[in-house]
Amino acid sequence: MTRSSATGVEVSATRSYFVTPLIIATALFMEQLDGTVLATALPAMAADLHEDPVALKLALTSYLLSLAVFIPLSGWAADRFGARRVFRAAIVVFTFGSILCGLSNSLGAIVAFRIVQGLGGAMMTPVGRLVLLRTAPRHELVRAMAYLTIPALIGPLIGPPVGGFIATYFHWRYIFWINVPIGALGVALVTRFIPDLREEWTPPLDVAGAILSGVGLSCLVFGFTIAGRGFAPAPIVATIIALGAAALFTYVRHAKRAPYPIVDLDLLRIPTFRAAVVGGFLFRIGLGATPFLLPLLLQVGFGLSAYEAGLLTFVSAAGAMLMKTTAQPILKMFSFRRVLIVNAFISAAFLAFNAAFSAATPHFVIMGALLVGGFFRSLEFTALNALAYADVKKDAMSRATSFASVAQQLSLSTGVAVGAAALETARAMRGGGALQAADFTPAFCVVALISLFSIASFLPLASNAGDNLTGRDQHA
């Protein structure tokens, strides 16, 4: 966006790397917090609605299914109707869905309205990132992206204690209603500060691609989410995952022929985008598994309450917050390639270190490991989120954000599936029975090893990859 006056340029710059990221991060935090708060309150909801707690898990999976279906449409919608309009509408839809969920009196109603929430959430993350990419100067992109990393890390951490507190001292319906004032504030701030960005020409919607990608992603996300959790027999889960894989394989063939595919696979020809998406997929498997494995270890393995476990794990959010101010100088000093490689090793080591925790481990040791691990993990996410768009042309930004968001969502669901499978395998190898603390050791080691494999995607990067994002190329 061009400004004719010095004052206008200054205001635009301020919005780009302070106000705009803060507004977008607040909206994303609302979305991230909602799911983890809800997970903690499921037993209270089940008792009030006279449902089995296991059945209430449908409230979580229905949201994930909605994300998988609608995320690929987000980039096209932003180009067609304008990023500000779509982002604002996404907040409205998410908030409206929250109100309806809070008013629900049956499992079917909650599932239906969680799908409505998912429609809003699917548009919030990629469109919010798109707004940031189109407003922040390239050399400030890392700093701006750091704000967007925080919600993804803090939301799952403070969710359990917040959900436990609300379910214990208030009513589970407030879990949904607390989104209303946040959503109203978000709409006002977006209207006031977010610029109205849109493309002059929008390609026709790839309907066939949208159907194939929607079926493929929803089946994979749903299959990975319920895998190893006893929600359905193993053959049914395997069939769902196979159907999703077949639909995505068909989509790949379709995308090669379609003039404007809804998920543009040609973006993988860009080395920095490919490294960020493929390497990020492997690395984020650890992120997807940790909120599932760590609370279970602390509660089932060590006997802590959900509230105590949530308070203990929250400390890693402090490490993520510290990273926000240090990511830019670290990447400028050492380069993206070096940071991604070395930091992936360090982060995987801290993830594996969770396997060494025992009931006798002092809490300050656990908190210290989570604090430092949270810093390095957040640094890796910030670097990946920024590097993905280092060499993407302006007219391809919307497609790139949709693609990256799809990969991230799939990686988180895969992390849950891998963690659950490793946990069940460990339990089966000792003869079954109730989960024990020892069952978590191989699970943490497996997801840490997969995260470590992300290094293979970073090694081919050029030594100066992403330097245009930090200003490092100006001092080479």
Foldseek 3Di string as FASTA:
>chain_A
DDDDDPVVVVLLQCCLQPVLLQLLLLLLLLVLQLLLLCLQLLVLVCVQLVHDSLLLCLLNLLLLLLLQLQLLVQLLCCQVPWLLVLQLVLLVQLLVLLLQLLVDNHSVSSSVSSSSNSNSSSNSQLSSLLLSVVRHALQSLLLSLLSNLLSNPQSLLLSLQVSVVCVVPHNNSVSSVVSNVSSVVSSVSSVVRRDGDHHPDGDDDPVLLSVLSSQLLSLLLSLLQCALVPPDDPVVSVVSNVRSVVSVVVSVVVLVVDPDHSQNPCLCVPLLLVLLLVLVLLQCLLVLQCSVQQLCLCCVAQPDDSNVSSVLLSLLSVLSVVLSVVLLVVCLVQNLLVLLQVLLLVLLVLLLCSLVDHNPDDSVVSSVSSNNSSNSSSSNVSSSSSSSCLPPDSVCSSSSSSNSVSSSSSSSSNSNSQLSVQLVVLQVVVPHDGGYSNSNNRSSNVSSVSSNVSSVSSVPDDRNRSCSNNVSVVVD
